[in-house]
């Protein structure tokens, strides 16, 4: 079974992940804004990701505040880390 790594915005999102059976120990929570990627939990999550893992996020804006940032993070996760991204409000798994 694949291990899920989750980039989770504030607690209002937690119920969505519970609904999908994602365990709380696999949730990485940063309370800071998504303006940059110096967020401690986000960086910790990226270090934990292994090839074939899936990062589940509530919405695409968790990866960045503009198109360029989102694309950069998307490429890093899918190409450099060889991990998948699942966006819950899009309902498509990208690997």
Protein backbone atom coordinates (compact mmCIF):
# COMPACT_ATOMS: atom_id res chain seq x y z
CA UNK A 1 0.00 0.00 0.00
CA UNK A 2 1.29 3.46 -0.85
CA UNK A 3 2.18 5.84 1.91
CA UNK A 4 0.40 9.17 1.66
CA UNK A 5 2.05 12.47 2.40
CA UNK A 6 -0.32 15.36 2.78
CA UNK A 7 0.19 19.05 2.50
CA UNK A 8 -2.59 20.35 4.70
CA UNK A 9 -3.72 23.95 5.16
CA UNK A 10 -5.44 24.92 8.45
CA UNK A 11 -7.66 22.53 10.39
CA UNK A 12 -10.74 23.27 8.29
CA UNK A 13 -9.27 20.87 5.74
CA UNK A 14 -8.72 17.93 8.12
CA UNK A 15 -12.19 16.45 7.67
CA UNK A 16 -11.61 16.13 3.93
CA UNK A 17 -8.51 14.00 4.50
CA UNK A 18 -10.21 11.87 7.16
CA UNK A 19 -12.97 11.17 4.65
CA UNK A 20 -10.35 9.63 2.34
CA UNK A 21 -8.88 7.48 5.11
CA UNK A 22 -5.63 9.40 5.37
CA UNK A 23 -4.06 8.87 8.78
CA UNK A 24 -3.19 11.88 10.91
CA UNK A 25 0.48 10.85 11.22
CA UNK A 26 0.79 11.39 7.47
CA UNK A 27 -0.55 14.94 7.63
CA UNK A 28 1.97 17.78 7.44
CA UNK A 29 0.50 21.04 8.68
CA UNK A 30 1.94 24.51 8.27
CA UNK A 31 -0.05 27.33 9.80
CA UNK A 32 1.88 29.96 7.84
CA UNK A 33 0.67 31.26 4.51
CA UNK A 34 1.61 29.59 1.25
CA UNK A 35 3.53 32.64 0.03
CA UNK A 36 6.79 30.71 -0.05
CA UNK A 37 8.07 27.20 0.48
CA UNK A 38 10.23 27.85 3.52
CA UNK A 39 7.43 26.35 5.60
CA UNK A 40 8.91 23.78 8.04
CA UNK A 41 6.27 21.05 7.68
CA UNK A 42 6.24 21.37 3.88
CA UNK A 43 10.04 20.99 3.78
CA UNK A 44 9.87 18.02 6.18
CA UNK A 45 7.23 16.37 4.00
CA UNK A 46 9.34 16.80 0.86
CA UNK A 47 12.29 15.11 2.62
CA UNK A 48 10.03 12.16 3.55
CA UNK A 49 8.60 11.61 0.06
CA UNK A 50 9.87 8.53 -1.76
CA UNK A 51 9.46 7.38 -5.33
CA UNK A 52 5.87 6.25 -5.88
CA UNK A 53 4.41 8.13 -2.90
CA UNK A 54 1.38 10.35 -3.43
CA UNK A 55 1.02 13.85 -2.01
CA UNK A 56 -2.64 14.63 -1.43
CA UNK A 57 -3.69 18.27 -1.28
CA UNK A 58 -7.11 19.86 -0.88
CA UNK A 59 -6.64 22.34 -3.71
CA UNK A 60 -3.98 23.26 -6.24
CA UNK A 61 -3.22 26.58 -4.55
CA UNK A 62 -1.44 24.67 -1.76
CA UNK A 63 1.49 24.39 -4.20
CA UNK A 64 1.83 28.11 -4.85
CA UNK A 65 0.19 31.48 -5.23
CA UNK A 66 0.77 31.85 -8.95
CA UNK A 67 0.98 29.67 -12.03
CA UNK A 68 4.79 29.70 -12.12
CA UNK A 69 5.19 28.60 -8.49
CA UNK A 70 2.62 25.85 -8.94
CA UNK A 71 4.37 24.54 -12.06
CA UNK A 72 7.79 24.62 -10.36
CA UNK A 73 6.54 22.65 -7.36
CA UNK A 74 4.56 20.27 -9.58
CA UNK A 75 7.65 19.48 -11.67
CA UNK A 76 9.84 19.07 -8.60
CA UNK A 77 7.43 16.63 -6.96
CA UNK A 78 6.54 14.59 -10.04
CA UNK A 79 9.88 14.63 -11.89
CA UNK A 80 12.62 15.07 -9.29
CA UNK A 81 10.94 13.11 -6.49
CA UNK A 82 9.01 10.73 -8.81
CA UNK A 83 5.93 11.10 -6.63
CA UNK A 84 2.30 11.57 -7.56
CA UNK A 85 -0.01 14.43 -6.70
CA UNK A 86 -3.68 14.01 -5.87
CA UNK A 87 -5.76 17.19 -5.74
CA UNK A 88 -9.03 16.53 -3.91
CA UNK A 89 -11.03 19.35 -5.43
CA UNK A 90 -10.03 18.28 -8.95
CA UNK A 91 -10.50 14.51 -8.38
CA UNK A 92 -7.72 13.38 -10.70
CA UNK A 93 -4.53 11.55 -9.72
CA UNK A 94 -1.45 12.90 -11.48
CA UNK A 95 1.63 10.67 -11.56
